[in-house]
């Protein structure tokens, strides 16, 4: 029983560090699609994204 609990805790610790080290900040957004996706997705977030990233 103790051995299984050790492996479970080791797995949780590994996943925690994996998530902790894999976070990044986006400086570019790529969207593939036609005009409708640009109008509905990108237009509302374009100005705040450019303000936040300084581009």
Foldseek 3Di string as FASTA:
>chain_A
DVVVVVVVVVVVVVVVVVVVPPDDDDLDDDDDDDPVCCVPPVPVCVVVSCVVNVD
